């Protein structure tokens, strides 16, 4: 089994509904996102997944979130746009994008700041 990782980032605003502190107010982050893919085998070139392909999947997802007020887009109109929920959202969206046999999502890591991240996997 191979695990392929690529990272990217997006900038966006959000606010946490019913949060008892300052994060209830609109504010922004420069989120860093790492996707980890499970790959069962390599192709004839010796590659599990071309990094270019994995980066394209991730960058397409980042475009959906970049420079948005997350509370105004699905599924965050009702779901609090926490780092945990963002990681799960990216995981579920990425699962739908993968079209290579033997490749699946292992985990998603989302950093809200340089020192704080969350990892989501099923």
PDB file of N, CA and C in Angstrom:
ATOM      1  N   UNK A   1       0.863  -1.185   0.000  1.00  0.00           N
ATOM      2  CA  UNK A   1       0.000   0.000   0.000  1.00  0.00           C
ATOM      3  C   UNK A   1       0.899   1.234   0.000  1.00  0.00           C
ATOM      4  N   UNK A   2       0.562   2.175  -0.819  1.00  0.00           N
ATOM      5  CA  UNK A   2       1.252   3.463  -0.879  1.00  0.00           C
ATOM      6  C   UNK A   2       0.314   4.533  -0.341  1.00  0.00           C
ATOM      7  N   UNK A   3       0.897   5.549   0.261  1.00  0.00           N
ATOM      8  CA  UNK A   3       0.127   6.707   0.707  1.00  0.00           C
ATOM      9  C   UNK A   3       0.730   7.934   0.045  1.00  0.00           C
ATOM     10  N   UNK A   4      -0.084   8.603  -0.739  1.00  0.00           N
ATOM     11  CA  UNK A   4       0.333   9.791  -1.477  1.00  0.00           C
ATOM     12  C   UNK A   4      -0.238  11.016  -0.780  1.00  0.00           C
ATOM     13  N   UNK A   5       0.603  12.007  -0.521  1.00  0.00           N
ATOM     14  CA  UNK A   5       0.179  13.244   0.137  1.00  0.00           C
ATOM     15  C   UNK A   5       0.459  14.441  -0.756  1.00  0.00           C
ATOM     16  N   UNK A   6      -0.498  15.339  -0.848  1.00  0.00           N
ATOM     17  CA  UNK A   6      -0.278  16.650  -1.455  1.00  0.00           C
ATOM     18  C   UNK A   6      -0.963  17.692  -0.577  1.00  0.00           C
ATOM     19  N   UNK A   7      -0.432  18.891  -0.595  1.00  0.00           N
ATOM     20  CA  UNK A   7      -1.000  19.976   0.209  1.00  0.00           C
ATOM     21  C   UNK A   7      -1.302  21.182  -0.659  1.00  0.00           C
ATOM     22  N   UNK A   8      -2.232  21.971  -0.170  1.00  0.00           N
ATOM     23  CA  UNK A   8      -2.584  23.243  -0.785  1.00  0.00           C
ATOM     24  C   UNK A   8      -3.152  24.127   0.312  1.00  0.00           C
ATOM     25  N   UNK A   9      -3.779  25.216  -0.079  1.00  0.00           N
ATOM     26  CA  UNK A   9      -4.335  26.132   0.908  1.00  0.00           C
ATOM     27  C   UNK A   9      -5.484  26.924   0.297  1.00  0.00           C
ATOM     28  N   UNK A  10      -6.267  27.511   1.188  1.00  0.00           N
ATOM     29  CA  UNK A  10      -7.296  28.458   0.765  1.00  0.00           C
ATOM     30  C   UNK A  10      -7.479  29.483   1.870  1.00  0.00           C
ATOM     31  N   UNK A  11      -7.937  30.646   1.489  1.00  0.00           N
ATOM     32  CA  UNK A  11      -8.248  31.717   2.432  1.00  0.00           C
ATOM     33  C   UNK A  11      -9.744  31.940   2.409  1.00  0.00           C
ATOM     34  N   UNK A  12     -10.339  32.034   3.601  1.00  0.00           N
ATOM     35  CA  UNK A  12     -11.786  32.231   3.657  1.00  0.00           C
ATOM     36  C   UNK A  12     -12.180  32.797   5.013  1.00  0.00           C
ATOM     37  N   UNK A  13     -13.375  33.366   5.024  1.00  0.00           N
ATOM     38  CA  UNK A  13     -13.956  33.883   6.264  1.00  0.00           C
ATOM     39  C   UNK A  13     -15.001  32.888   6.760  1.00  0.00           C
ATOM     40  N   UNK A  14     -15.229  32.928   8.054  1.00  0.00           N
ATOM     41  CA  UNK A  14     -16.304  32.142   8.649  1.00  0.00           C
ATOM     42  C   UNK A  14     -16.628  32.701  10.026  1.00  0.00           C
ATOM     43  N   UNK A  15     -17.719  32.248  10.564  1.00  0.00           N
ATOM     44  CA  UNK A  15     -18.034  32.499  11.967  1.00  0.00           C
ATOM     45  C   UNK A  15     -18.726  31.256  12.507  1.00  0.00           C
ATOM     46  N   UNK A  16     -18.519  30.998  13.783  1.00  0.00           N
ATOM     47  CA  UNK A  16     -19.064  29.798  14.404  1.00  0.00           C
ATOM     48  C   UNK A  16     -20.337  30.151  15.166  1.00  0.00           C
ATOM     49  N   UNK A  17     -21.429  29.664  14.655  1.00  0.00           N
ATOM     50  CA  UNK A  17     -22.726  29.931  15.271  1.00  0.00           C
ATOM     51  C   UNK A  17     -22.768  29.357  16.689  1.00  0.00           C
ATOM     52  N   UNK A  18     -23.331  30.145  17.598  1.00  0.00           N
ATOM     53  CA  UNK A  18     -23.547  29.749  18.996  1.00  0.00           C
ATOM     54  C   UNK A  18     -22.256  29.471  19.769  1.00  0.00           C
ATOM     55  N   UNK A  19     -21.124  29.876  19.225  1.00  0.00           N
ATOM     56  CA  UNK A  19     -19.856  29.718  19.932  1.00  0.00           C
ATOM     57  C   UNK A  19     -19.798  30.758  21.055  1.00  0.00           C
ATOM     58  N   UNK A  20     -19.356  30.390  22.259  1.00  0.00           N
ATOM     59  CA  UNK A  20     -19.401  31.328  23.384  1.00  0.00           C
ATOM     60  C   UNK A  20     -18.291  32.377  23.390  1.00  0.00           C
ATOM     61  N   UNK A  21     -17.359  32.303  22.448  1.00  0.00           N
ATOM     62  CA  UNK A  21     -16.247  33.254  22.442  1.00  0.00           C
ATOM     63  C   UNK A  21     -16.212  34.101  21.189  1.00  0.00           C
ATOM     64  N   UNK A  22     -15.054  34.688  20.924  1.00  0.00           N
ATOM     65  CA  UNK A  22     -14.902  35.627  19.813  1.00  0.00           C
ATOM     66  C   UNK A  22     -15.116  35.000  18.436  1.00  0.00           C
ATOM     67  N   UNK A  23     -14.956  33.701  18.321  1.00  0.00           N
ATOM     68  CA  UNK A  23     -15.118  33.055  17.013  1.00  0.00           C
ATOM     69  C   UNK A  23     -16.565  33.068  16.512  1.00  0.00           C
ATOM     70  N   UNK A  24     -17.479  33.572  17.351  1.00  0.00           N
ATOM     71  CA  UNK A  24     -18.854  33.755  16.875  1.00  0.00           C
ATOM     72  C   UNK A  24     -18.922  34.913  15.880  1.00  0.00           C
ATOM     73  N   UNK A  25     -17.911  35.797  15.918  1.00  0.00           N
ATOM     74  CA  UNK A  25     -17.832  36.923  14.993  1.00  0.00           C
ATOM     75  C   UNK A  25     -17.137  36.489  13.703  1.00  0.00           C
ATOM     76  N   UNK A  26     -17.493  37.131  12.606  1.00  0.00           N
ATOM     77  CA  UNK A  26     -16.862  36.803  11.329  1.00  0.00           C
ATOM     78  C   UNK A  26     -15.362  37.122  11.411  1.00  0.00           C
ATOM     79  N   UNK A  27     -14.562  36.162  10.949  1.00  0.00           N
ATOM     80  CA  UNK A  27     -13.105  36.314  10.916  1.00  0.00           C
ATOM     81  C   UNK A  27     -12.569  35.385   9.834  1.00  0.00           C
ATOM     82  N   UNK A  28     -11.298  35.482   9.548  1.00  0.00           N
ATOM     83  CA  UNK A  28     -10.742  34.683   8.460  1.00  0.00           C
ATOM     84  C   UNK A  28      -9.535  33.866   8.875  1.00  0.00           C
ATOM     85  N   UNK A  29      -9.230  32.888   8.030  1.00  0.00           N
ATOM     86  CA  UNK A  29      -8.055  32.042   8.203  1.00  0.00           C
ATOM     87  C   UNK A  29      -7.428  31.788   6.841  1.00  0.00           C
ATOM     88  N   UNK A  30      -6.155  31.463   6.873  1.00  0.00           N
ATOM     89  CA  UNK A  30      -5.470  30.890   5.722  1.00  0.00           C
ATOM     90  C   UNK A  30      -5.290  29.410   6.044  1.00  0.00           C
ATOM     91  N   UNK A  31      -6.267  28.604   5.618  1.00  0.00           N
ATOM     92  CA  UNK A  31      -6.254  27.181   5.915  1.00  0.00           C
ATOM     93  C   UNK A  31      -5.253  26.467   5.016  1.00  0.00           C
ATOM     94  N   UNK A  32      -4.525  25.530   5.585  1.00  0.00           N
ATOM     95  CA  UNK A  32      -3.667  24.624   4.829  1.00  0.00           C
ATOM     96  C   UNK A  32      -4.371  23.273   4.832  1.00  0.00           C
ATOM     97  N   UNK A  33      -4.352  22.587   3.698  1.00  0.00           N
ATOM     98  CA  UNK A  33      -5.049  21.316   3.569  1.00  0.00           C
ATOM     99  C   UNK A  33      -4.099  20.275   2.977  1.00  0.00           C
ATOM    100  N   UNK A  34      -4.060  19.109   3.622  1.00  0.00           N
ATOM    101  CA  UNK A  34      -3.299  17.969   3.107  1.00  0.00           C
ATOM    102  C   UNK A  34      -4.269  16.833   2.842  1.00  0.00           C
ATOM    103  N   UNK A  35      -4.176  16.272   1.631  1.00  0.00           N
ATOM    104  CA  UNK A  35      -4.929  15.056   1.349  1.00  0.00           C
ATOM    105  C   UNK A  35      -3.949  13.894   1.330  1.00  0.00           C
ATOM    106  N   UNK A  36      -4.404  12.767   1.852  1.00  0.00           N
ATOM    107  CA  UNK A  36      -3.620  11.534   1.831  1.00  0.00           C
ATOM    108  C   UNK A  36      -4.448  10.483   1.117  1.00  0.00           C
ATOM    109  N   UNK A  37      -3.880   9.901   0.066  1.00  0.00           N
ATOM    110  CA  UNK A  37      -4.569   8.896  -0.737  1.00  0.00           C
ATOM    111  C   UNK A  37      -3.950   7.526  -0.507  1.00  0.00           C
ATOM    112  N   UNK A  38      -4.780   6.499  -0.367  1.00  0.00           N
ATOM    113  CA  UNK A  38      -4.320   5.114  -0.360  1.00  0.00           C
ATOM    114  C   UNK A  38      -4.240   4.634  -1.798  1.00  0.00           C
ATOM    115  N   UNK A  39      -3.141   3.997  -2.131  1.00  0.00           N
ATOM    116  CA  UNK A  39      -2.962   3.475  -3.482  1.00  0.00           C
ATOM    117  C   UNK A  39      -2.478   2.036  -3.379  1.00  0.00           C
ATOM    118  N   UNK A  40      -3.226   1.119  -3.960  1.00  0.00           N
ATOM    119  CA  UNK A  40      -2.928  -0.302  -3.835  1.00  0.00           C
ATOM    120  C   UNK A  40      -1.750  -0.757  -4.672  1.00  0.00           C
ATOM    121  N   UNK A  41      -1.450  -0.071  -5.767  1.00  0.00           N
ATOM    122  CA  UNK A  41      -0.401  -0.530  -6.676  1.00  0.00           C
ATOM    123  C   UNK A  41       0.181   0.646  -7.443  1.00  0.00           C
ATOM    124  N   UNK A  42       1.232   0.381  -8.160  1.00  0.00           N
ATOM    125  CA  UNK A  42       1.822   1.386  -9.050  1.00  0.00           C
ATOM    126  C   UNK A  42       1.530   0.999 -10.494  1.00  0.00           C
ATOM    127  N   UNK A  43       1.588   1.984 -11.375  1.00  0.00           N
ATOM    128  CA  UNK A  43       1.349   1.722 -12.790  1.00  0.00           C
ATOM    129  C   UNK A  43       2.655   1.293 -13.468  1.00  0.00           C
ATOM    130  N   UNK A  44       2.620   1.207 -14.779  1.00  0.00           N
ATOM    131  CA  UNK A  44       3.792   0.756 -15.539  1.00  0.00           C
ATOM    132  C   UNK A  44       4.983   1.706 -15.421  1.00  0.00           C
ATOM    133  N   UNK A  45       4.725   2.951 -15.016  1.00  0.00           N
ATOM    134  CA  UNK A  45       5.810   3.915 -14.800  1.00  0.00           C
ATOM    135  C   UNK A  45       6.364   3.848 -13.381  1.00  0.00           C
ATOM    136  N   UNK A  46       5.690   3.081 -12.529  1.00  0.00           N
ATOM    137  CA  UNK A  46       6.104   2.996 -11.132  1.00  0.00           C
ATOM    138  C   UNK A  46       5.463   4.054 -10.255  1.00  0.00           C
ATOM    139  N   UNK A  47       4.345   4.637 -10.728  1.00  0.00           N
ATOM    140  CA  UNK A  47       3.654   5.688  -9.978  1.00  0.00           C
ATOM    141  C   UNK A  47       2.333   5.160  -9.434  1.00  0.00           C
ATOM    142  N   UNK A  48       2.049   5.482  -8.172  1.00  0.00           N
ATOM    143  CA  UNK A  48       0.771   5.106  -7.574  1.00  0.00           C
ATOM    144  C   UNK A  48      -0.328   6.037  -8.089  1.00  0.00           C
ATOM    145  N   UNK A  49      -0.137   7.317  -7.905  1.00  0.00           N
ATOM    146  CA  UNK A  49      -0.981   8.370  -8.479  1.00  0.00           C
ATOM    147  C   UNK A  49      -0.042   9.498  -8.865  1.00  0.00           C
ATOM    148  N   UNK A  50      -0.186   9.993 -10.068  1.00  0.00           N
ATOM    149  CA  UNK A  50       0.625  11.122 -10.495  1.00  0.00           C
ATOM    150  C   UNK A  50       0.333  12.298  -9.566  1.00  0.00           C
ATOM    151  N   UNK A  51       1.377  12.893  -8.992  1.00  0.00           N
ATOM    152  CA  UNK A  51       1.177  14.047  -8.117  1.00  0.00           C
ATOM    153  C   UNK A  51       0.395  15.148  -8.820  1.00  0.00           C
ATOM    154  N   UNK A  52       0.590  15.295 -10.125  1.00  0.00           N
ATOM    155  CA  UNK A  52      -0.136  16.317 -10.882  1.00  0.00           C
ATOM    156  C   UNK A  52      -1.642  16.084 -10.812  1.00  0.00           C
ATOM    157  N   UNK A  53      -2.061  14.837 -10.892  1.00  0.00           N
ATOM    158  CA  UNK A  53      -3.487  14.494 -10.815  1.00  0.00           C
ATOM    159  C   UNK A  53      -4.014  14.771  -9.413  1.00  0.00           C
ATOM    160  N   UNK A  54      -3.282  14.329  -8.397  1.00  0.00           N
ATOM    161  CA  UNK A  54      -3.722  14.552  -7.016  1.00  0.00           C
ATOM    162  C   UNK A  54      -3.804  16.045  -6.712  1.00  0.00           C
ATOM    163  N   UNK A  55      -2.834  16.821  -7.189  1.00  0.00           N
ATOM    164  CA  UNK A  55      -2.859  18.276  -6.973  1.00  0.00           C
ATOM    165  C   UNK A  55      -4.046  18.915  -7.678  1.00  0.00           C
ATOM    166  N   UNK A  56      -4.375  18.416  -8.857  1.00  0.00           N
ATOM    167  CA  UNK A  56      -5.529  18.962  -9.586  1.00  0.00           C
ATOM    168  C   UNK A  56      -6.820  18.720  -8.805  1.00  0.00           C
ATOM    169  N   UNK A  57      -6.990  17.513  -8.269  1.00  0.00           N
ATOM    170  CA  UNK A  57      -8.175  17.229  -7.451  1.00  0.00           C
ATOM    171  C   UNK A  57      -8.251  18.199  -6.275  1.00  0.00           C
ATOM    172  N   UNK A  58      -7.126  18.336  -5.580  1.00  0.00           N
ATOM    173  CA  UNK A  58      -7.105  19.199  -4.397  1.00  0.00           C
ATOM    174  C   UNK A  58      -7.330  20.660  -4.775  1.00  0.00           C
ATOM    175  N   UNK A  59      -6.673  21.126  -5.823  1.00  0.00           N
ATOM    176  CA  UNK A  59      -6.836  22.532  -6.217  1.00  0.00           C
ATOM    177  C   UNK A  59      -8.263  22.845  -6.654  1.00  0.00           C
ATOM    178  N   UNK A  60      -8.935  21.893  -7.286  1.00  0.00           N
ATOM    179  CA  UNK A  60     -10.348  22.102  -7.636  1.00  0.00           C
ATOM    180  C   UNK A  60     -11.196  22.288  -6.382  1.00  0.00           C
ATOM    181  N   UNK A  61     -10.903  21.512  -5.343  1.00  0.00           N
ATOM    182  CA  UNK A  61     -11.624  21.671  -4.077  1.00  0.00           C
ATOM    183  C   UNK A  61     -11.298  23.003  -3.414  1.00  0.00           C
ATOM    184  N   UNK A  62     -10.055  23.432  -3.497  1.00  0.00           N
ATOM    185  CA  UNK A  62      -9.665  24.699  -2.881  1.00  0.00           C
ATOM    186  C   UNK A  62     -10.366  25.869  -3.566  1.00  0.00           C
ATOM    187  N   UNK A  63     -10.565  25.773  -4.868  1.00  0.00           N
ATOM    188  CA  UNK A  63     -11.279  26.828  -5.599  1.00  0.00           C
ATOM    189  C   UNK A  63     -12.711  26.978  -5.098  1.00  0.00           C
ATOM    190  N   UNK A  64     -13.331  25.873  -4.672  1.00  0.00           N
ATOM    191  CA  UNK A  64     -14.702  25.928  -4.154  1.00  0.00           C
ATOM    192  C   UNK A  64     -14.784  26.737  -2.853  1.00  0.00           C
ATOM    193  N   UNK A  65     -13.686  26.780  -2.098  1.00  0.00           N
ATOM    194  CA  UNK A  65     -13.692  27.397  -0.769  1.00  0.00           C
ATOM    195  C   UNK A  65     -12.952  28.736  -0.714  1.00  0.00           C
ATOM    196  N   UNK A  66     -12.042  28.958  -1.630  1.00  0.00           N
ATOM    197  CA  UNK A  66     -11.154  30.114  -1.554  1.00  0.00           C
ATOM    198  C   UNK A  66     -11.905  31.441  -1.682  1.00  0.00           C
ATOM    199  N   UNK A  67     -11.579  32.344  -0.796  1.00  0.00           N
ATOM    200  CA  UNK A  67     -12.141  33.699  -0.761  1.00  0.00           C
ATOM    201  C   UNK A  67     -13.666  33.716  -0.689  1.00  0.00           C
ATOM    202  N   UNK A  68     -14.186  32.792   0.099  1.00  0.00           N
ATOM    203  CA  UNK A  68     -15.628  32.727   0.337  1.00  0.00           C
ATOM    204  C   UNK A  68     -15.908  33.005   1.812  1.00  0.00           C
ATOM    205  N   UNK A  69     -17.129  33.409   2.095  1.00  0.00           N
ATOM    206  CA  UNK A  69     -17.622  33.401   3.473  1.00  0.00           C
ATOM    207  C   UNK A  69     -18.274  32.034   3.611  1.00  0.00           C
ATOM    208  N   UNK A  70     -17.604  31.125   4.279  1.00  0.00           N
ATOM    209  CA  UNK A  70     -18.008  29.720   4.282  1.00  0.00           C
ATOM    210  C   UNK A  70     -19.435  29.513   4.769  1.00  0.00           C
ATOM    211  N   UNK A  71     -19.905  30.360   5.665  1.00  0.00           N
ATOM    212  CA  UNK A  71     -21.264  30.231   6.184  1.00  0.00           C
ATOM    213  C   UNK A  71     -22.330  30.418   5.106  1.00  0.00           C
ATOM    214  N   UNK A  72     -21.947  30.917   3.940  1.00  0.00           N
ATOM    215  CA  UNK A  72     -22.921  31.197   2.878  1.00  0.00           C
ATOM    216  C   UNK A  72     -22.925  30.147   1.782  1.00  0.00           C
ATOM    217  N   UNK A  73     -22.109  29.076   1.928  1.00  0.00           N
ATOM    218  CA  UNK A  73     -22.085  28.030   0.907  1.00  0.00           C
ATOM    219  C   UNK A  73     -22.446  26.687   1.539  1.00  0.00           C
ATOM    220  N   UNK A  74     -23.011  25.800   0.724  1.00  0.00           N
ATOM    221  CA  UNK A  74     -23.350  24.452   1.198  1.00  0.00           C
ATOM    222  C   UNK A  74     -22.076  23.683   1.480  1.00  0.00           C
ATOM    223  N   UNK A  75     -22.043  22.876   2.498  1.00  0.00           N
ATOM    224  CA  UNK A  75     -23.095  22.543   3.452  1.00  0.00           C
ATOM    225  C   UNK A  75     -23.093  23.430   4.686  1.00  0.00           C
ATOM    226  N   UNK A  76     -22.305  24.524   4.634  1.00  0.00           N
ATOM    227  CA  UNK A  76     -22.067  25.323   5.836  1.00  0.00           C
ATOM    228  C   UNK A  76     -23.126  26.389   6.096  1.00  0.00           C
ATOM    229  N   UNK A  77     -24.150  26.414   5.270  1.00  0.00           N
ATOM    230  CA  UNK A  77     -25.276  27.310   5.549  1.00  0.00           C
ATOM    231  C   UNK A  77     -25.937  26.874   6.856  1.00  0.00           C
ATOM    232  N   UNK A  78     -25.993  25.570   7.086  1.00  0.00           N
ATOM    233  CA  UNK A  78     -26.571  25.037   8.326  1.00  0.00           C
ATOM    234  C   UNK A  78     -25.515  24.417   9.235  1.00  0.00           C
ATOM    235  N   UNK A  79     -24.484  23.832   8.654  1.00  0.00           N
ATOM    236  CA  UNK A  79     -23.430  23.153   9.403  1.00  0.00           C
ATOM    237  C   UNK A  79     -22.350  24.166   9.778  1.00  0.00           C
ATOM    238  N   UNK A  80     -21.936  24.188  11.041  1.00  0.00           N
ATOM    239  CA  UNK A  80     -20.896  25.117  11.455  1.00  0.00           C
ATOM    240  C   UNK A  80     -19.605  24.838  10.682  1.00  0.00           C
ATOM    241  N   UNK A  81     -18.987  25.869  10.096  1.00  0.00           N
ATOM    242  CA  UNK A  81     -17.760  25.669   9.318  1.00  0.00           C
ATOM    243  C   UNK A  81     -16.516  25.577  10.209  1.00  0.00           C
ATOM    244  N   UNK A  82     -16.513  24.568  11.069  1.00  0.00           N
ATOM    245  CA  UNK A  82     -15.342  24.300  11.904  1.00  0.00           C
ATOM    246  C   UNK A  82     -14.285  23.594  11.049  1.00  0.00           C
ATOM    247  N   UNK A  83     -13.072  23.554  11.523  1.00  0.00           N
ATOM    248  CA  UNK A  83     -12.026  22.822  10.797  1.00  0.00           C
ATOM    249  C   UNK A  83     -12.401  21.352  10.664  1.00  0.00           C
ATOM    250  N   UNK A  84     -13.041  20.798  11.697  1.00  0.00           N
ATOM    251  CA  UNK A  84     -13.478  19.405  11.651  1.00  0.00           C
ATOM    252  C   UNK A  84     -14.476  19.179  10.521  1.00  0.00           C
ATOM    253  N   UNK A  85     -15.469  20.057  10.424  1.00  0.00           N
ATOM    254  CA  UNK A  85     -16.480  19.912   9.374  1.00  0.00           C
ATOM    255  C   UNK A  85     -15.917  20.198   7.995  1.00  0.00           C
ATOM    256  N   UNK A  86     -14.971  21.111   7.906  1.00  0.00           N
ATOM    257  CA  UNK A  86     -14.314  21.392   6.625  1.00  0.00           C
ATOM    258  C   UNK A  86     -13.526  20.171   6.171  1.00  0.00           C
ATOM    259  N   UNK A  87     -12.809  19.531   7.091  1.00  0.00           N
ATOM    260  CA  UNK A  87     -12.040  18.334   6.742  1.00  0.00           C
ATOM    261  C   UNK A  87     -12.965  17.221   6.246  1.00  0.00           C
ATOM    262  N   UNK A  88     -14.090  17.013   6.920  1.00  0.00           N
ATOM    263  CA  UNK A  88     -15.033  15.979   6.495  1.00  0.00           C
ATOM    264  C   UNK A  88     -15.640  16.320   5.135  1.00  0.00           C
ATOM    265  N   UNK A  89     -15.952  17.590   4.913  1.00  0.00           N
ATOM    266  CA  UNK A  89     -16.493  18.032   3.628  1.00  0.00           C
ATOM    267  C   UNK A  89     -15.506  17.731   2.498  1.00  0.00           C
ATOM    268  N   UNK A  90     -14.236  18.088   2.703  1.00  0.00           N
ATOM    269  CA  UNK A  90     -13.222  17.847   1.677  1.00  0.00           C
ATOM    270  C   UNK A  90     -13.067  16.343   1.433  1.00  0.00           C
ATOM    271  N   UNK A  91     -13.070  15.565   2.493  1.00  0.00           N
ATOM    272  CA  UNK A  91     -12.977  14.103   2.374  1.00  0.00           C
ATOM    273  C   UNK A  91     -14.100  13.570   1.473  1.00  0.00           C
ATOM    274  N   UNK A  92     -15.323  13.953   1.779  1.00  0.00           N
ATOM    275  CA  UNK A  92     -16.473  13.450   1.022  1.00  0.00           C
ATOM    276  C   UNK A  92     -16.465  13.927  -0.419  1.00  0.00           C
ATOM    277  N   UNK A  93     -16.077  15.162  -0.644  1.00  0.00           N
ATOM    278  CA  UNK A  93     -16.006  15.682  -2.017  1.00  0.00           C
ATOM    279  C   UNK A  93     -14.907  14.982  -2.815  1.00  0.00           C
ATOM    280  N   UNK A  94     -13.759  14.757  -2.165  1.00  0.00           N
ATOM    281  CA  UNK A  94     -12.640  14.101  -2.849  1.00  0.00           C
ATOM    282  C   UNK A  94     -12.998  12.668  -3.230  1.00  0.00           C
ATOM    283  N   UNK A  95     -13.719  11.961  -2.363  1.00  0.00           N
ATOM    284  CA  UNK A  95     -14.146  10.588  -2.679  1.00  0.00           C
ATOM    285  C   UNK A  95     -14.893  10.544  -4.007  1.00  0.00           C
ATOM    286  N   UNK A  96     -15.695  11.571  -4.281  1.00  0.00           N
ATOM    287  CA  UNK A  96     -16.477  11.609  -5.518  1.00  0.00           C
ATOM    288  C   UNK A  96     -15.619  11.897  -6.748  1.00  0.00           C
ATOM    289  N   UNK A  97     -14.453  12.506  -6.548  1.00  0.00           N
ATOM    290  CA  UNK A  97     -13.596  12.900  -7.663  1.00  0.00           C
ATOM    291  C   UNK A  97     -12.680  11.776  -8.136  1.00  0.00           C
ATOM    292  N   UNK A  98     -12.338  10.878  -7.256  1.00  0.00           N
ATOM    293  CA  UNK A  98     -11.344   9.849  -7.576  1.00  0.00           C
ATOM    294  C   UNK A  98     -11.938   8.827  -8.534  1.00  0.00           C
ATOM    295  N   UNK A  99     -11.255   8.660  -9.658  1.00  0.00           N
ATOM    296  CA  UNK A  99     -11.742   7.751 -10.697  1.00  0.00           C
ATOM    297  C   UNK A  99     -10.660   6.761 -11.140  1.00  0.00           C
ATOM    298  N   UNK A 100      -9.742   6.458 -10.232  1.00  0.00           N
ATOM    299  CA  UNK A 100      -8.657   5.531 -10.534  1.00  0.00           C
ATOM    300  C   UNK A 100      -8.830   4.290  -9.664  1.00  0.00           C
ATOM    301  N   UNK A 101      -8.874   3.132 -10.296  1.00  0.00           N
ATOM    302  CA  UNK A 101      -9.055   1.876  -9.560  1.00  0.00           C
ATOM    303  C   UNK A 101      -7.912   1.671  -8.569  1.00  0.00           C
ATOM    304  N   UNK A 102      -8.264   1.259  -7.356  1.00  0.00           N
ATOM    305  CA  UNK A 102      -7.266   0.994  -6.331  1.00  0.00           C
ATOM    306  C   UNK A 102      -6.808   2.223  -5.574  1.00  0.00           C
ATOM    307  N   UNK A 103      -7.443   3.369  -5.836  1.00  0.00           N
ATOM    308  CA  UNK A 103      -7.095   4.613  -5.149  1.00  0.00           C
ATOM    309  C   UNK A 103      -8.291   5.068  -4.328  1.00  0.00           C
ATOM    310  N   UNK A 104      -8.037   5.418  -3.073  1.00  0.00           N
ATOM    311  CA  UNK A 104      -9.101   5.900  -2.198  1.00  0.00           C
ATOM    312  C   UNK A 104      -8.540   6.956  -1.255  1.00  0.00           C
ATOM    313  N   UNK A 105      -9.431   7.674  -0.605  1.00  0.00           N
ATOM    314  CA  UNK A 105      -9.010   8.700   0.349  1.00  0.00           C
ATOM    315  C   UNK A 105      -8.641   8.008   1.659  1.00  0.00           C
ATOM    316  N   UNK A 106      -7.477   8.318   2.174  1.00  0.00           N
ATOM    317  CA  UNK A 106      -7.061   7.814   3.486  1.00  0.00           C
ATOM    318  C   UNK A 106      -7.483   8.785   4.570  1.00  0.00           C
ATOM    319  N   UNK A 107      -7.034  10.050   4.432  1.00  0.00           N
ATOM    320  CA  UNK A 107      -7.371  11.058   5.433  1.00  0.00           C
ATOM    321  C   UNK A 107      -7.182  12.445   4.851  1.00  0.00           C
ATOM    322  N   UNK A 108      -7.789  13.397   5.541  1.00  0.00           N
ATOM    323  CA  UNK A 108      -7.662  14.816   5.211  1.00  0.00           C
ATOM    324  C   UNK A 108      -7.179  15.519   6.470  1.00  0.00           C
ATOM    325  N   UNK A 109      -6.179  16.371   6.316  1.00  0.00           N
ATOM    326  CA  UNK A 109      -5.725  17.198   7.433  1.00  0.00           C
ATOM    327  C   UNK A 109      -5.936  18.657   7.076  1.00  0.00           C
ATOM    328  N   UNK A 110      -6.539  19.384   7.996  1.00  0.00           N
ATOM    329  CA  UNK A 110      -6.819  20.809   7.806  1.00  0.00           C
ATOM    330  C   UNK A 110      -6.183  21.579   8.955  1.00  0.00           C
ATOM    331  N   UNK A 111      -5.316  22.532   8.614  1.00  0.00           N
ATOM    332  CA  UNK A 111      -4.714  23.430   9.586  1.00  0.00           C
ATOM    333  C   UNK A 111      -5.477  24.750   9.581  1.00  0.00           C
ATOM    334  N   UNK A 112      -5.957  25.156  10.739  1.00  0.00           N
ATOM    335  CA  UNK A 112      -6.597  26.458  10.889  1.00  0.00           C
ATOM    336  C   UNK A 112      -5.544  27.527  11.169  1.00  0.00           C
ATOM    337  N   UNK A 113      -4.437  27.096  11.756  1.00  0.00           N
ATOM    338  CA  UNK A 113      -3.305  27.980  12.016  1.00  0.00           C
ATOM    339  C   UNK A 113      -2.042  27.145  11.920  1.00  0.00           C
ATOM    340  N   UNK A 114      -0.925  27.774  12.043  1.00  0.00           N
ATOM    341  CA  UNK A 114       0.352  27.080  11.939  1.00  0.00           C
ATOM    342  C   UNK A 114       0.511  25.979  12.989  1.00  0.00           C
ATOM    343  N   UNK A 115      -0.152  26.151  14.132  1.00  0.00           N
ATOM    344  CA  UNK A 115       0.026  25.227  15.248  1.00  0.00           C
ATOM    345  C   UNK A 115      -1.182  24.355  15.558  1.00  0.00           C
ATOM    346  N   UNK A 116      -2.271  24.477  14.779  1.00  0.00           N
ATOM    347  CA  UNK A 116      -3.496  23.739  15.103  1.00  0.00           C
ATOM    348  C   UNK A 116      -4.074  23.092  13.856  1.00  0.00           C
ATOM    349  N   UNK A 117      -4.258  21.762  13.917  1.00  0.00           N
ATOM    350  CA  UNK A 117      -4.851  21.063  12.787  1.00  0.00           C
ATOM    351  C   UNK A 117      -5.770  19.954  13.283  1.00  0.00           C
ATOM    352  N   UNK A 118      -6.577  19.467  12.356  1.00  0.00           N
ATOM    353  CA  UNK A 118      -7.468  18.343  12.618  1.00  0.00           C
ATOM    354  C   UNK A 118      -7.304  17.364  11.455  1.00  0.00           C
ATOM    355  N   UNK A 119      -7.393  16.076  11.771  1.00  0.00           N
ATOM    356  CA  UNK A 119      -7.323  15.026  10.751  1.00  0.00           C
ATOM    357  C   UNK A 119      -8.656  14.290  10.743  1.00  0.00           C
ATOM    358  N   UNK A 120      -9.208  14.107   9.534  1.00  0.00           N
ATOM    359  CA  UNK A 120     -10.451  13.348   9.394  1.00  0.00           C
ATOM    360  C   UNK A 120     -10.194  12.137   8.511  1.00  0.00           C
ATOM    361  N   UNK A 121     -10.707  10.980   8.938  1.00  0.00           N
ATOM    362  CA  UNK A 121     -10.703   9.760   8.125  1.00  0.00           C
ATOM    363  C   UNK A 121     -11.905   8.931   8.536  1.00  0.00           C
ATOM    364  N   UNK A 122     -12.270   8.007   7.698  1.00  0.00           N
ATOM    365  CA  UNK A 122     -13.387   7.116   8.020  1.00  0.00           C
ATOM    366  C   UNK A 122     -12.860   5.789   8.512  1.00  0.00           C
TER     367      UNK A 122
END
